[in-house]
Amino acid sequence: MATVKSNQRKGPMQNITINLPELYNDIIQKFIKFRIVPSRSEAVRMAITEFLIREEQNMSLFHTIVDSQGEHDSPRSKTTSTIKSTQKRENGE
């Protein structure tokens, strides 16, 4: 898992409430005890950051595959088609 230092986070924080299984909390508490993470909040932020990075890479790969094979029935293809047709109408084409 990528490490994120507290001073690397940007922007204001949003306070949220989540429910975790006890097992997850127990593991996080062990990570805190062994100084792997400084806090439960930081452990959750690190996990979410890793998830977001991975999913962004997956979506980028997916879009590359879809784009290379032509238009498919994908959300991005529909969005791209909608944008292109709107631009043509606006340009009088």
PDB file of N, CA and C in Angstrom:
ATOM      1  N   MET A   1       0.848  -1.179   0.000  1.00  0.00           N
ATOM      2  CA  MET A   1       0.000   0.000   0.000  1.00  0.00           C
ATOM      3  C   MET A   1       0.888   1.234   0.000  1.00  0.00           C
ATOM      4  N   ALA A   2       0.565   2.209  -0.811  1.00  0.00           N
ATOM      5  CA  ALA A   2       1.334   3.443  -0.886  1.00  0.00           C
ATOM      6  C   ALA A   2       1.192   4.217   0.416  1.00  0.00           C
ATOM      7  N   THR A   3       2.289   4.822   0.826  1.00  0.00           N
ATOM      8  CA  THR A   3       2.215   5.622   2.035  1.00  0.00           C
ATOM      9  C   THR A   3       1.945   7.071   1.655  1.00  0.00           C
ATOM     10  N   VAL A   4       1.099   7.709   2.413  1.00  0.00           N
ATOM     11  CA  VAL A   4       0.739   9.102   2.191  1.00  0.00           C
ATOM     12  C   VAL A   4       1.045   9.844   3.476  1.00  0.00           C
ATOM     13  N   LYS A   5       1.962  10.789   3.394  1.00  0.00           N
ATOM     14  CA  LYS A   5       2.286  11.578   4.574  1.00  0.00           C
ATOM     15  C   LYS A   5       1.194  12.612   4.803  1.00  0.00           C
ATOM     16  N   SER A   6       0.977  12.948   6.048  1.00  0.00           N
ATOM     17  CA  SER A   6      -0.087  13.901   6.388  1.00  0.00           C
ATOM     18  C   SER A   6       0.053  15.211   5.631  1.00  0.00           C
ATOM     19  N   ASN A   7       1.276  15.678   5.432  1.00  0.00           N
ATOM     20  CA  ASN A   7       1.458  16.960   4.762  1.00  0.00           C
ATOM     21  C   ASN A   7       1.293  16.867   3.250  1.00  0.00           C
ATOM     22  N   GLN A   8       1.089  15.658   2.689  1.00  0.00           N
ATOM     23  CA  GLN A   8       0.889  15.507   1.255  1.00  0.00           C
ATOM     24  C   GLN A   8      -0.574  15.640   0.868  1.00  0.00           C
ATOM     25  N   ARG A   9      -1.482  15.550   1.810  1.00  0.00           N
ATOM     26  CA  ARG A   9      -2.913  15.673   1.493  1.00  0.00           C
ATOM     27  C   ARG A   9      -3.207  17.119   1.159  1.00  0.00           C
ATOM     28  N   LYS A  10      -4.103  17.309   0.206  1.00  0.00           N
ATOM     29  CA  LYS A  10      -4.424  18.671  -0.216  1.00  0.00           C
ATOM     30  C   LYS A  10      -5.891  18.948   0.026  1.00  0.00           C
ATOM     31  N   GLY A  11      -6.171  20.209   0.285  1.00  0.00           N
ATOM     32  CA  GLY A  11      -7.551  20.637   0.429  1.00  0.00           C
ATOM     33  C   GLY A  11      -8.123  20.353   1.806  1.00  0.00           C
ATOM     34  N   PRO A  12      -9.305  20.915   2.036  1.00  0.00           N
ATOM     35  CA  PRO A  12      -9.955  20.721   3.334  1.00  0.00           C
ATOM     36  C   PRO A  12     -10.457  19.288   3.490  1.00  0.00           C
ATOM     37  N   MET A  13     -10.524  18.854   4.708  1.00  0.00           N
ATOM     38  CA  MET A  13     -11.004  17.506   5.009  1.00  0.00           C
ATOM     39  C   MET A  13     -12.516  17.541   5.225  1.00  0.00           C
ATOM     40  N   GLN A  14     -13.180  16.469   4.854  1.00  0.00           N
ATOM     41  CA  GLN A  14     -14.603  16.280   5.092  1.00  0.00           C
ATOM     42  C   GLN A  14     -14.744  15.203   6.147  1.00  0.00           C
ATOM     43  N   ASN A  15     -15.471  15.472   7.193  1.00  0.00           N
ATOM     44  CA  ASN A  15     -15.686  14.505   8.254  1.00  0.00           C
ATOM     45  C   ASN A  15     -16.827  13.573   7.864  1.00  0.00           C
ATOM     46  N   ILE A  16     -16.567  12.253   7.858  1.00  0.00           N
ATOM     47  CA  ILE A  16     -17.593  11.273   7.519  1.00  0.00           C
ATOM     48  C   ILE A  16     -17.640  10.200   8.596  1.00  0.00           C
ATOM     49  N   THR A  17     -18.721   9.472   8.628  1.00  0.00           N
ATOM     50  CA  THR A  17     -18.867   8.353   9.556  1.00  0.00           C
ATOM     51  C   THR A  17     -19.000   7.081   8.744  1.00  0.00           C
ATOM     52  N   ILE A  18     -18.222   6.075   9.105  1.00  0.00           N
ATOM     53  CA  ILE A  18     -18.321   4.789   8.416  1.00  0.00           C
ATOM     54  C   ILE A  18     -18.443   3.674   9.448  1.00  0.00           C
ATOM     55  N   ASN A  19     -18.990   2.570   9.017  1.00  0.00           N
ATOM     56  CA  ASN A  19     -19.068   1.379   9.857  1.00  0.00           C
ATOM     57  C   ASN A  19     -18.109   0.345   9.286  1.00  0.00           C
ATOM     58  N   LEU A  20     -17.242  -0.169  10.149  1.00  0.00           N
ATOM     59  CA  LEU A  20     -16.281  -1.189   9.750  1.00  0.00           C
ATOM     60  C   LEU A  20     -16.529  -2.462  10.540  1.00  0.00           C
ATOM     61  N   PRO A  21     -16.274  -3.602   9.932  1.00  0.00           N
ATOM     62  CA  PRO A  21     -16.344  -4.845  10.708  1.00  0.00           C
ATOM     63  C   PRO A  21     -15.303  -4.804  11.837  1.00  0.00           C
ATOM     64  N   GLU A  22     -15.605  -5.431  12.947  1.00  0.00           N
ATOM     65  CA  GLU A  22     -14.682  -5.436  14.086  1.00  0.00           C
ATOM     66  C   GLU A  22     -13.302  -5.940  13.696  1.00  0.00           C
ATOM     67  N   LEU A  23     -13.261  -6.934  12.825  1.00  0.00           N
ATOM     68  CA  LEU A  23     -11.980  -7.488  12.389  1.00  0.00           C
ATOM     69  C   LEU A  23     -11.114  -6.403  11.761  1.00  0.00           C
ATOM     70  N   TYR A  24     -11.698  -5.571  10.900  1.00  0.00           N
ATOM     71  CA  TYR A  24     -10.934  -4.490  10.266  1.00  0.00           C
ATOM     72  C   TYR A  24     -10.389  -3.535  11.322  1.00  0.00           C
ATOM     73  N   ASN A  25     -11.237  -3.185  12.264  1.00  0.00           N
ATOM     74  CA  ASN A  25     -10.810  -2.279  13.329  1.00  0.00           C
ATOM     75  C   ASN A  25      -9.679  -2.901  14.144  1.00  0.00           C
ATOM     76  N   ASP A  26      -9.799  -4.176  14.458  1.00  0.00           N
ATOM     77  CA  ASP A  26      -8.745  -4.861  15.220  1.00  0.00           C
ATOM     78  C   ASP A  26      -7.419  -4.826  14.469  1.00  0.00           C
ATOM     79  N   ILE A  27      -7.466  -5.064  13.170  1.00  0.00           N
ATOM     80  CA  ILE A  27      -6.246  -5.039  12.367  1.00  0.00           C
ATOM     81  C   ILE A  27      -5.655  -3.634  12.334  1.00  0.00           C
ATOM     82  N   ILE A  28      -6.505  -2.646  12.143  1.00  0.00           N
ATOM     83  CA  ILE A  28      -6.036  -1.256  12.118  1.00  0.00           C
ATOM     84  C   ILE A  28      -5.404  -0.893  13.458  1.00  0.00           C
ATOM     85  N   GLN A  29      -6.010  -1.334  14.551  1.00  0.00           N
ATOM     86  CA  GLN A  29      -5.441  -1.045  15.877  1.00  0.00           C
ATOM     87  C   GLN A  29      -4.056  -1.678  16.025  1.00  0.00           C
ATOM     88  N   LYS A  30      -3.859  -2.867  15.457  1.00  0.00           N
ATOM     89  CA  LYS A  30      -2.529  -3.491  15.490  1.00  0.00           C
ATOM     90  C   LYS A  30      -1.545  -2.677  14.661  1.00  0.00           C
ATOM     91  N   PHE A  31      -1.994  -2.177  13.507  1.00  0.00           N
ATOM     92  CA  PHE A  31      -1.129  -1.330  12.692  1.00  0.00           C
ATOM     93  C   PHE A  31      -0.712  -0.072  13.455  1.00  0.00           C
ATOM     94  N   ILE A  32      -1.642   0.491  14.203  1.00  0.00           N
ATOM     95  CA  ILE A  32      -1.337   1.678  15.010  1.00  0.00           C
ATOM     96  C   ILE A  32      -0.340   1.308  16.105  1.00  0.00           C
ATOM     97  N   LYS A  33      -0.567   0.194  16.772  1.00  0.00           N
ATOM     98  CA  LYS A  33       0.327  -0.267  17.850  1.00  0.00           C
ATOM     99  C   LYS A  33       1.757  -0.448  17.343  1.00  0.00           C
ATOM    100  N   PHE A  34       1.894  -0.989  16.131  1.00  0.00           N
ATOM    101  CA  PHE A  34       3.227  -1.221  15.572  1.00  0.00           C
ATOM    102  C   PHE A  34       3.728  -0.040  14.733  1.00  0.00           C
ATOM    103  N   ARG A  35       3.011   1.070  14.835  1.00  0.00           N
ATOM    104  CA  ARG A  35       3.385   2.325  14.177  1.00  0.00           C
ATOM    105  C   ARG A  35       3.483   2.209  12.656  1.00  0.00           C
ATOM    106  N   ILE A  36       2.639   1.385  12.087  1.00  0.00           N
ATOM    107  CA  ILE A  36       2.551   1.284  10.634  1.00  0.00           C
ATOM    108  C   ILE A  36       1.735   2.458  10.105  1.00  0.00           C
ATOM    109  N   VAL A  37       0.716   2.839  10.861  1.00  0.00           N
ATOM    110  CA  VAL A  37      -0.084   4.029  10.568  1.00  0.00           C
ATOM    111  C   VAL A  37      -0.238   4.813  11.863  1.00  0.00           C
ATOM    112  N   PRO A  38      -0.372   6.133  11.773  1.00  0.00           N
ATOM    113  CA  PRO A  38      -0.487   6.927  12.998  1.00  0.00           C
ATOM    114  C   PRO A  38      -1.878   6.909  13.632  1.00  0.00           C
ATOM    115  N   SER A  39      -2.908   6.647  12.804  1.00  0.00           N
ATOM    116  CA  SER A  39      -4.264   6.711  13.336  1.00  0.00           C
ATOM    117  C   SER A  39      -5.208   5.892  12.469  1.00  0.00           C
ATOM    118  N   ARG A  40      -6.389   5.671  12.993  1.00  0.00           N
ATOM    119  CA  ARG A  40      -7.419   4.961  12.244  1.00  0.00           C
ATOM    120  C   ARG A  40      -7.836   5.783  11.009  1.00  0.00           C
ATOM    121  N   SER A  41      -7.963   7.079  11.192  1.00  0.00           N
ATOM    122  CA  SER A  41      -8.329   7.950  10.065  1.00  0.00           C
ATOM    123  C   SER A  41      -7.302   7.861   8.946  1.00  0.00           C
ATOM    124  N   GLU A  42      -6.039   7.878   9.316  1.00  0.00           N
ATOM    125  CA  GLU A  42      -4.989   7.810   8.295  1.00  0.00           C
ATOM    126  C   GLU A  42      -5.004   6.454   7.592  1.00  0.00           C
ATOM    127  N   ALA A  43      -5.287   5.379   8.312  1.00  0.00           N
ATOM    128  CA  ALA A  43      -5.386   4.048   7.692  1.00  0.00           C
ATOM    129  C   ALA A  43      -6.510   4.024   6.660  1.00  0.00           C
ATOM    130  N   VAL A  44      -7.639   4.605   6.998  1.00  0.00           N
ATOM    131  CA  VAL A  44      -8.777   4.646   6.073  1.00  0.00           C
ATOM    132  C   VAL A  44      -8.443   5.528   4.877  1.00  0.00           C
ATOM    133  N   ARG A  45      -7.815   6.686   5.119  1.00  0.00           N
ATOM    134  CA  ARG A  45      -7.416   7.566   4.005  1.00  0.00           C
ATOM    135  C   ARG A  45      -6.460   6.852   3.060  1.00  0.00           C
ATOM    136  N   MET A  46      -5.495   6.123   3.634  1.00  0.00           N
ATOM    137  CA  MET A  46      -4.537   5.388   2.802  1.00  0.00           C
ATOM    138  C   MET A  46      -5.243   4.333   1.954  1.00  0.00           C
ATOM    139  N   ALA A  47      -6.183   3.615   2.554  1.00  0.00           N
ATOM    140  CA  ALA A  47      -6.913   2.569   1.827  1.00  0.00           C
ATOM    141  C   ALA A  47      -7.750   3.183   0.705  1.00  0.00           C
ATOM    142  N   ILE A  48      -8.409   4.286   0.981  1.00  0.00           N
ATOM    143  CA  ILE A  48      -9.234   4.942  -0.035  1.00  0.00           C
ATOM    144  C   ILE A  48      -8.355   5.492  -1.149  1.00  0.00           C
ATOM    145  N   THR A  49      -7.227   6.086  -0.804  1.00  0.00           N
ATOM    146  CA  THR A  49      -6.300   6.604  -1.814  1.00  0.00           C
ATOM    147  C   THR A  49      -5.840   5.488  -2.736  1.00  0.00           C
ATOM    148  N   GLU A  50      -5.445   4.368  -2.158  1.00  0.00           N
ATOM    149  CA  GLU A  50      -4.997   3.223  -2.957  1.00  0.00           C
ATOM    150  C   GLU A  50      -6.120   2.726  -3.868  1.00  0.00           C
ATOM    151  N   PHE A  51      -7.333   2.646  -3.346  1.00  0.00           N
ATOM    152  CA  PHE A  51      -8.489   2.220  -4.137  1.00  0.00           C
ATOM    153  C   PHE A  51      -8.731   3.171  -5.309  1.00  0.00           C
ATOM    154  N   LEU A  52      -8.715   4.473  -5.044  1.00  0.00           N
ATOM    155  CA  LEU A  52      -8.981   5.458  -6.085  1.00  0.00           C
ATOM    156  C   LEU A  52      -7.923   5.415  -7.181  1.00  0.00           C
ATOM    157  N   ILE A  53      -6.669   5.279  -6.795  1.00  0.00           N
ATOM    158  CA  ILE A  53      -5.592   5.186  -7.781  1.00  0.00           C
ATOM    159  C   ILE A  53      -5.773   3.942  -8.649  1.00  0.00           C
ATOM    160  N   ARG A  54      -6.039   2.810  -8.024  1.00  0.00           N
ATOM    161  CA  ARG A  54      -6.212   1.556  -8.753  1.00  0.00           C
ATOM    162  C   ARG A  54      -7.407   1.626  -9.710  1.00  0.00           C
ATOM    163  N   GLU A  55      -8.524   2.149  -9.235  1.00  0.00           N
ATOM    164  CA  GLU A  55      -9.713   2.222 -10.079  1.00  0.00           C
ATOM    165  C   GLU A  55      -9.543   3.211 -11.221  1.00  0.00           C
ATOM    166  N   GLU A  56      -8.843   4.305 -10.983  1.00  0.00           N
ATOM    167  CA  GLU A  56      -8.576   5.260 -12.055  1.00  0.00           C
ATOM    168  C   GLU A  56      -7.722   4.595 -13.140  1.00  0.00           C
ATOM    169  N   GLN A  57      -6.728   3.805 -12.727  1.00  0.00           N
ATOM    170  CA  GLN A  57      -5.905   3.080 -13.693  1.00  0.00           C
ATOM    171  C   GLN A  57      -6.731   2.050 -14.447  1.00  0.00           C
ATOM    172  N   ASN A  58      -7.605   1.339 -13.747  1.00  0.00           N
ATOM    173  CA  ASN A  58      -8.469   0.355 -14.401  1.00  0.00           C
ATOM    174  C   ASN A  58      -9.386   1.025 -15.426  1.00  0.00           C
ATOM    175  N   MET A  59      -9.971   2.155 -15.060  1.00  0.00           N
ATOM    176  CA  MET A  59     -10.870   2.855 -15.979  1.00  0.00           C
ATOM    177  C   MET A  59     -10.095   3.388 -17.185  1.00  0.00           C
ATOM    178  N   SER A  60      -8.898   3.862 -16.966  1.00  0.00           N
ATOM    179  CA  SER A  60      -8.070   4.343 -18.066  1.00  0.00           C
ATOM    180  C   SER A  60      -7.768   3.203 -19.030  1.00  0.00           C
ATOM    181  N   LEU A  61      -7.408   2.046 -18.508  1.00  0.00           N
ATOM    182  CA  LEU A  61      -7.146   0.873 -19.338  1.00  0.00           C
ATOM    183  C   LEU A  61      -8.408   0.462 -20.084  1.00  0.00           C
ATOM    184  N   PHE A  62      -9.535   0.433 -19.396  1.00  0.00           N
ATOM    185  CA  PHE A  62     -10.810   0.071 -20.016  1.00  0.00           C
ATOM    186  C   PHE A  62     -11.129   1.003 -21.177  1.00  0.00           C
ATOM    187  N   HIS A  63     -10.972   2.305 -20.957  1.00  0.00           N
ATOM    188  CA  HIS A  63     -11.280   3.276 -22.006  1.00  0.00           C
ATOM    189  C   HIS A  63     -10.325   3.139 -23.179  1.00  0.00           C
ATOM    190  N   THR A  64      -9.070   2.804 -22.917  1.00  0.00           N
ATOM    191  CA  THR A  64      -8.104   2.598 -23.994  1.00  0.00           C
ATOM    192  C   THR A  64      -8.528   1.417 -24.852  1.00  0.00           C
ATOM    193  N   ILE A  65      -8.971   0.340 -24.222  1.00  0.00           N
ATOM    194  CA  ILE A  65      -9.412  -0.847 -24.951  1.00  0.00           C
ATOM    195  C   ILE A  65     -10.667  -0.531 -25.760  1.00  0.00           C
ATOM    196  N   VAL A  66     -11.624   0.126 -25.141  1.00  0.00           N
ATOM    197  CA  VAL A  66     -12.878   0.468 -25.824  1.00  0.00           C
ATOM    198  C   VAL A  66     -12.587   1.391 -26.997  1.00  0.00           C
ATOM    199  N   ASP A  67     -11.770   2.413 -26.789  1.00  0.00           N
ATOM    200  CA  ASP A  67     -11.460   3.361 -27.854  1.00  0.00           C
ATOM    201  C   ASP A  67     -10.740   2.689 -29.017  1.00  0.00           C
ATOM    202  N   SER A  68      -9.870   1.730 -28.733  1.00  0.00           N
ATOM    203  CA  SER A  68      -9.113   1.068 -29.798  1.00  0.00           C
ATOM    204  C   SER A  68      -9.986   0.122 -30.614  1.00  0.00           C
ATOM    205  N   GLN A  69     -11.107  -0.305 -30.063  1.00  0.00           N
ATOM    206  CA  GLN A  69     -11.992  -1.233 -30.753  1.00  0.00           C
ATOM    207  C   GLN A  69     -13.189  -0.522 -31.386  1.00  0.00           C
ATOM    208  N   GLY A  70     -13.202   0.777 -31.349  1.00  0.00           N
ATOM    209  CA  GLY A  70     -14.339   1.529 -31.887  1.00  0.00           C
ATOM    210  C   GLY A  70     -15.389   1.709 -30.815  1.00  0.00           C
ATOM    211  N   GLU A  71     -16.479   2.360 -31.189  1.00  0.00           N
ATOM    212  CA  GLU A  71     -17.522   2.644 -30.211  1.00  0.00           C
ATOM    213  C   GLU A  71     -18.242   1.375 -29.790  1.00  0.00           C
ATOM    214  N   HIS A  72     -18.378   1.227 -28.518  1.00  0.00           N
ATOM    215  CA  HIS A  72     -19.111   0.113 -27.928  1.00  0.00           C
ATOM    216  C   HIS A  72     -20.199   0.681 -27.037  1.00  0.00           C
ATOM    217  N   ASP A  73     -21.022  -0.172 -26.548  1.00  0.00           N
ATOM    218  CA  ASP A  73     -22.120   0.257 -25.687  1.00  0.00           C
ATOM    219  C   ASP A  73     -21.608   0.450 -24.263  1.00  0.00           C
ATOM    220  N   SER A  74     -20.725   1.422 -24.100  1.00  0.00           N
ATOM    221  CA  SER A  74     -20.155   1.711 -22.784  1.00  0.00           C
ATOM    222  C   SER A  74     -20.584   3.108 -22.368  1.00  0.00           C
ATOM    223  N   PRO A  75     -20.599   3.403 -21.078  1.00  0.00           N
ATOM    224  CA  PRO A  75     -20.982   4.750 -20.630  1.00  0.00           C
ATOM    225  C   PRO A  75     -20.120   5.830 -21.275  1.00  0.00           C
ATOM    226  N   ARG A  76     -18.819   5.569 -21.403  1.00  0.00           N
ATOM    227  CA  ARG A  76     -17.940   6.582 -21.981  1.00  0.00           C
ATOM    228  C   ARG A  76     -18.272   6.788 -23.448  1.00  0.00           C
ATOM    229  N   SER A  77     -18.524   5.698 -24.182  1.00  0.00           N
ATOM    230  CA  SER A  77     -18.863   5.828 -25.601  1.00  0.00           C
ATOM    231  C   SER A  77     -20.130   6.641 -25.771  1.00  0.00           C
ATOM    232  N   LYS A  78     -21.130   6.377 -24.936  1.00  0.00           N
ATOM    233  CA  LYS A  78     -22.382   7.144 -25.021  1.00  0.00           C
ATOM    234  C   LYS A  78     -22.137   8.601 -24.691  1.00  0.00           C
ATOM    235  N   THR A  79     -21.331   8.861 -23.684  1.00  0.00           N
ATOM    236  CA  THR A  79     -21.026  10.236 -23.301  1.00  0.00           C
ATOM    237  C   THR A  79     -20.269  10.926 -24.420  1.00  0.00           C
ATOM    238  N   THR A  80     -19.273  10.245 -24.982  1.00  0.00           N
ATOM    239  CA  THR A  80     -18.494  10.823 -26.073  1.00  0.00           C
ATOM    240  C   THR A  80     -19.382  11.113 -27.270  1.00  0.00           C
ATOM    241  N   SER A  81     -20.271  10.175 -27.609  1.00  0.00           N
ATOM    242  CA  SER A  81     -21.190  10.381 -28.730  1.00  0.00           C
ATOM    243  C   SER A  81     -22.101  11.576 -28.488  1.00  0.00           C
ATOM    244  N   THR A  82     -22.602  11.697 -27.279  1.00  0.00           N
ATOM    245  CA  THR A  82     -23.484  12.810 -26.926  1.00  0.00           C
ATOM    246  C   THR A  82     -22.748  14.135 -27.043  1.00  0.00           C
ATOM    247  N   ILE A  83     -21.531  14.183 -26.565  1.00  0.00           N
ATOM    248  CA  ILE A  83     -20.739  15.418 -26.639  1.00  0.00           C
ATOM    249  C   ILE A  83     -20.473  15.789 -28.090  1.00  0.00           C
ATOM    250  N   LYS A  84     -20.085  14.786 -28.904  1.00  0.00           N
ATOM    251  CA  LYS A  84     -19.797  15.070 -30.316  1.00  0.00           C
ATOM    252  C   LYS A  84     -21.035  15.569 -31.056  1.00  0.00           C
ATOM    253  N   SER A  85     -22.182  14.941 -30.824  1.00  0.00           N
ATOM    254  CA  SER A  85     -23.389  15.385 -31.527  1.00  0.00           C
ATOM    255  C   SER A  85     -23.825  16.765 -31.059  1.00  0.00           C
ATOM    256  N   THR A  86     -23.644  17.076 -29.805  1.00  0.00           N
ATOM    257  CA  THR A  86     -23.977  18.404 -29.284  1.00  0.00           C
ATOM    258  C   THR A  86     -23.071  19.446 -29.920  1.00  0.00           C
ATOM    259  N   GLN A  87     -21.782  19.147 -30.040  1.00  0.00           N
ATOM    260  CA  GLN A  87     -20.840  20.083 -30.663  1.00  0.00           C
ATOM    261  C   GLN A  87     -21.205  20.324 -32.118  1.00  0.00           C
ATOM    262  N   LYS A  88     -21.604  19.273 -32.839  1.00  0.00           N
ATOM    263  CA  LYS A  88     -21.979  19.444 -34.244  1.00  0.00           C
ATOM    264  C   LYS A  88     -23.194  20.339 -34.379  1.00  0.00           C
ATOM    265  N   ARG A  89     -24.192  20.140 -33.508  1.00  0.00           N
ATOM    266  CA  ARG A  89     -25.389  20.987 -33.554  1.00  0.00           C
ATOM    267  C   ARG A  89     -25.045  22.425 -33.266  1.00  0.00           C
ATOM    268  N   GLU A  90     -24.178  22.646 -32.289  1.00  0.00           N
ATOM    269  CA  GLU A  90     -23.796  24.005 -31.931  1.00  0.00           C
ATOM    270  C   GLU A  90     -23.020  24.678 -33.060  1.00  0.00           C
ATOM    271  N   ASN A  91     -22.269  23.874 -33.837  1.00  0.00           N
ATOM    272  CA  ASN A  91     -21.484  24.429 -34.937  1.00  0.00           C
ATOM    273  C   ASN A  91     -22.278  24.492 -36.244  1.00  0.00           C
ATOM    274  N   GLY A  92     -23.546  24.072 -36.210  1.00  0.00           N
ATOM    275  CA  GLY A  92     -24.404  24.130 -37.377  1.00  0.00           C
ATOM    276  C   GLY A  92     -24.112  23.039 -38.399  1.00  0.00           C
ATOM    277  N   GLU A  93     -23.496  21.981 -37.986  1.00  0.00           N
ATOM    278  CA  GLU A  93     -23.186  20.870 -38.909  1.00  0.00           C
ATOM    279  C   GLU A  93     -24.326  19.890 -39.003  1.00  0.00           C
TER     280      GLU A  93
END
